[in-house]
C-alpha atoms as a PDB file:
ATOM      1  CA  UNK A   1      13.403  -0.398   0.377  1.00  0.00           C
ATOM      2  CA  UNK A   2      13.255  -3.831  -1.339  1.00  0.00           C
ATOM      3  CA  UNK A   3      13.119  -5.308   2.154  1.00  0.00           C
ATOM      4  CA  UNK A   4       9.949  -3.391   2.932  1.00  0.00           C
ATOM      5  CA  UNK A   5       8.295  -4.453  -0.358  1.00  0.00           C
ATOM      6  CA  UNK A   6       9.330  -8.026   0.156  1.00  0.00           C
ATOM      7  CA  UNK A   7       7.909  -8.128   3.762  1.00  0.00           C
ATOM      8  CA  UNK A   8       4.668  -6.513   2.592  1.00  0.00           C
ATOM      9  CA  UNK A   9       4.158  -8.931  -0.287  1.00  0.00           C
ATOM     10  CA  UNK A  10       5.166 -11.910   1.815  1.00  0.00           C
ATOM     11  CA  UNK A  11       2.373 -11.035   4.290  1.00  0.00           C
ATOM     12  CA  UNK A  12      -0.156 -10.917   1.338  1.00  0.00           C
ATOM     13  CA  UNK A  13       0.807 -14.190  -0.361  1.00  0.00           C
ATOM     14  CA  UNK A  14      -1.310 -17.347   0.009  1.00  0.00           C
ATOM     15  CA  UNK A  15      -0.070 -20.858   0.624  1.00  0.00           C
ATOM     16  CA  UNK A  16      -1.025 -23.958  -1.301  1.00  0.00           C
ATOM     17  CA  UNK A  17       0.400 -27.468  -0.873  1.00  0.00           C
ATOM     18  CA  UNK A  18       1.890 -29.113  -3.928  1.00  0.00           C
ATOM     19  CA  UNK A  19      -0.435 -31.715  -5.521  1.00  0.00           C
ATOM     20  CA  UNK A  20       1.716 -33.692  -7.919  1.00  0.00           C
ATOM     21  CA  UNK A  21       5.365 -34.856  -7.983  1.00  0.00           C
ATOM     22  CA  UNK A  22       7.787 -33.429 -10.410  1.00  0.00           C
ATOM     23  CA  UNK A  23       9.067 -30.265 -11.967  1.00  0.00           C
ATOM     24  CA  UNK A  24       6.907 -27.156 -12.477  1.00  0.00           C
ATOM     25  CA  UNK A  25       6.963 -23.507 -13.483  1.00  0.00           C
ATOM     26  CA  UNK A  26       5.578 -20.848 -11.287  1.00  0.00           C
ATOM     27  CA  UNK A  27       4.800 -17.262 -12.376  1.00  0.00           C
ATOM     28  CA  UNK A  28       3.572 -15.071  -9.457  1.00  0.00           C
ATOM     29  CA  UNK A  29       3.115 -11.351  -8.971  1.00  0.00           C
ATOM     30  CA  UNK A  30       2.950  -9.849  -5.522  1.00  0.00           C
ATOM     31  CA  UNK A  31       2.094  -6.103  -5.177  1.00  0.00           C
ATOM     32  CA  UNK A  32       2.539  -4.069  -1.983  1.00  0.00           C
ATOM     33  CA  UNK A  33       0.582  -1.198  -0.588  1.00  0.00           C
ATOM     34  CA  UNK A  34       1.102   1.002   2.427  1.00  0.00           C
ATOM     35  CA  UNK A  35      -2.340   2.259   3.252  1.00  0.00           C
ATOM     36  CA  UNK A  36      -3.767   3.142  -0.115  1.00  0.00           C
ATOM     37  CA  UNK A  37      -0.405   3.990  -1.666  1.00  0.00           C
ATOM     38  CA  UNK A  38       1.018   1.512  -4.166  1.00  0.00           C
ATOM     39  CA  UNK A  39       4.605   0.633  -3.317  1.00  0.00           C
ATOM     40  CA  UNK A  40       5.604  -1.825  -6.048  1.00  0.00           C
ATOM     41  CA  UNK A  41       5.371  -5.331  -7.480  1.00  0.00           C
ATOM     42  CA  UNK A  42       7.671  -8.405  -7.418  1.00  0.00           C
ATOM     43  CA  UNK A  43       7.070 -10.813 -10.250  1.00  0.00           C
ATOM     44  CA  UNK A  44       8.693 -14.245  -9.947  1.00  0.00           C
ATOM     45  CA  UNK A  45       9.443 -16.452 -12.907  1.00  0.00           C
ATOM     46  CA  UNK A  46      10.578 -19.552 -11.148  1.00  0.00           C
ATOM     47  CA  UNK A  47      11.205 -23.267 -11.890  1.00  0.00           C
ATOM     48  CA  UNK A  48      10.763 -25.787  -9.165  1.00  0.00           C
ATOM     49  CA  UNK A  49      10.346 -29.323  -8.075  1.00  0.00           C
ATOM     50  CA  UNK A  50       7.720 -30.843  -5.690  1.00  0.00           C
ATOM     51  CA  UNK A  51       7.206 -34.307  -4.329  1.00  0.00           C
ATOM     52  CA  UNK A  52       5.606 -36.295  -1.560  1.00  0.00           C
ATOM     53  CA  UNK A  53       7.257 -37.162   1.815  1.00  0.00           C
ATOM     54  CA  UNK A  54       5.553 -40.348   2.733  1.00  0.00           C
ATOM     55  CA  UNK A  55       1.730 -40.546   2.600  1.00  0.00           C
ATOM     56  CA  UNK A  56       0.881 -37.304   4.509  1.00  0.00           C
ATOM     57  CA  UNK A  57       3.479 -34.788   3.619  1.00  0.00           C
ATOM     58  CA  UNK A  58       4.970 -32.897   0.623  1.00  0.00           C
ATOM     59  CA  UNK A  59       7.776 -30.482  -0.084  1.00  0.00           C
ATOM     60  CA  UNK A  60       8.740 -28.054  -2.882  1.00  0.00           C
ATOM     61  CA  UNK A  61      11.707 -25.939  -3.857  1.00  0.00           C
ATOM     62  CA  UNK A  62      11.831 -23.218  -6.567  1.00  0.00           C
ATOM     63  CA  UNK A  63      14.285 -20.649  -7.891  1.00  0.00           C
ATOM     64  CA  UNK A  64      14.583 -18.125 -10.729  1.00  0.00           C
ATOM     65  CA  UNK A  65      14.532 -14.426 -11.593  1.00  0.00           C
ATOM     66  CA  UNK A  66      12.413 -11.979  -9.620  1.00  0.00           C
ATOM     67  CA  UNK A  67      11.554  -8.641 -11.336  1.00  0.00           C
ATOM     68  CA  UNK A  68      11.302  -5.925  -8.771  1.00  0.00           C
ATOM     69  CA  UNK A  69       9.267  -2.968  -9.916  1.00  0.00           C
ATOM     70  CA  UNK A  70       9.174  -0.070  -7.369  1.00  0.00           C
ATOM     71  CA  UNK A  71       6.629   2.654  -7.939  1.00  0.00           C
ATOM     72  CA  UNK A  72       8.303   5.329 -10.122  1.00  0.00           C
ATOM     73  CA  UNK A  73      11.759   3.687  -9.995  1.00  0.00           C
ATOM     74  CA  UNK A  74      11.786   1.195 -12.861  1.00  0.00           C
ATOM     75  CA  UNK A  75      12.483  -2.519 -12.709  1.00  0.00           C
ATOM     76  CA  UNK A  76      15.482  -4.491 -11.392  1.00  0.00           C
ATOM     77  CA  UNK A  77      16.109  -8.201 -11.897  1.00  0.00           C
ATOM     78  CA  UNK A  78      17.115 -10.189  -8.716  1.00  0.00           C
ATOM     79  CA  UNK A  79      17.302 -13.838  -7.810  1.00  0.00           C
ATOM     80  CA  UNK A  80      14.553 -15.332  -5.624  1.00  0.00           C
ATOM     81  CA  UNK A  81      13.588 -18.720  -4.346  1.00  0.00           C
ATOM     82  CA  UNK A  82      11.365 -20.602  -2.003  1.00  0.00           C
ATOM     83  CA  UNK A  83      11.427 -23.988  -0.109  1.00  0.00           C
ATOM     84  CA  UNK A  84       8.531 -25.254   1.770  1.00  0.00           C
ATOM     85  CA  UNK A  85       6.714 -28.276   3.125  1.00  0.00           C
ATOM     86  CA  UNK A  86       3.277 -29.341   4.332  1.00  0.00           C
ATOM     87  CA  UNK A  87       1.977 -32.159   6.452  1.00  0.00           C
ATOM     88  CA  UNK A  88      -1.588 -33.436   6.847  1.00  0.00           C
ATOM     89  CA  UNK A  89      -2.292 -33.583  10.505  1.00  0.00           C
ATOM     90  CA  UNK A  90      -5.788 -34.951   9.984  1.00  0.00           C
ATOM     91  CA  UNK A  91      -8.011 -35.522   6.922  1.00  0.00           C
ATOM     92  CA  UNK A  92      -9.129 -31.816   7.106  1.00  0.00           C
ATOM     93  CA  UNK A  93      -6.117 -30.096   8.724  1.00  0.00           C
ATOM     94  CA  UNK A  94      -2.782 -29.320   7.013  1.00  0.00           C
ATOM     95  CA  UNK A  95       0.239 -27.541   8.600  1.00  0.00           C
ATOM     96  CA  UNK A  96       2.738 -25.815   6.302  1.00  0.00           C
ATOM     97  CA  UNK A  97       5.842 -23.665   6.343  1.00  0.00           C
ATOM     98  CA  UNK A  98       7.939 -21.791   3.701  1.00  0.00           C
ATOM     99  CA  UNK A  99      11.259 -19.943   3.695  1.00  0.00           C
ATOM    100  CA  UNK A 100      11.894 -17.501   0.816  1.00  0.00           C
ATOM    101  CA  UNK A 101      14.626 -15.156  -0.244  1.00  0.00           C
ATOM    102  CA  UNK A 102      15.395 -12.435  -2.775  1.00  0.00           C
ATOM    103  CA  UNK A 103      18.723 -10.802  -3.590  1.00  0.00           C
ATOM    104  CA  UNK A 104      19.210  -7.060  -3.792  1.00  0.00           C
ATOM    105  CA  UNK A 105      21.374  -4.393  -2.156  1.00  0.00           C
ATOM    106  CA  UNK A 106      20.686  -6.422   0.923  1.00  0.00           C
ATOM    107  CA  UNK A 107      19.433  -9.994   0.748  1.00  0.00           C
ATOM    108  CA  UNK A 108      15.954 -10.300   2.218  1.00  0.00           C
ATOM    109  CA  UNK A 109      14.501 -13.424   3.752  1.00  0.00           C
ATOM    110  CA  UNK A 110      10.919 -14.286   4.695  1.00  0.00           C
ATOM    111  CA  UNK A 111       9.176 -17.071   6.598  1.00  0.00           C
ATOM    112  CA  UNK A 112       5.642 -18.306   6.480  1.00  0.00           C
ATOM    113  CA  UNK A 113       3.888 -20.877   8.682  1.00  0.00           C
ATOM    114  CA  UNK A 114       0.224 -21.755   8.908  1.00  0.00           C
ATOM    115  CA  UNK A 115      -2.564 -24.210   9.315  1.00  0.00           C
ATOM    116  CA  UNK A 116      -5.293 -24.756   6.745  1.00  0.00           C
ATOM    117  CA  UNK A 117      -8.635 -26.338   7.543  1.00  0.00           C
ATOM    118  CA  UNK A 118     -10.626 -27.817   4.672  1.00  0.00           C
ATOM    119  CA  UNK A 119     -14.333 -27.992   5.026  1.00  0.00           C
END
């Protein structure tokens, strides 16, 4: 069940490349729906670190508690984390990727890759 929520929320999340080097805190809530039915929310309270990789690339890593609230089932605390990187292919085009995980009855993993064009 958590795997389904995690997959649904991973598909809904947006990517953004890190802007500054150093530690950061990230609070993020991702809610999942199947059709018009609310399934649940995963709220991350993570600490992380981001930095540049040369002039045109950056990376980040974060970890911390993830509060999993399933509709009508209460809230469970799990461990979640993400690592990702982005590279500027041109002045207007950035390619990025991310791998994330969350613990639970079964550990769940997710990947995200994409290309962003800035106008």
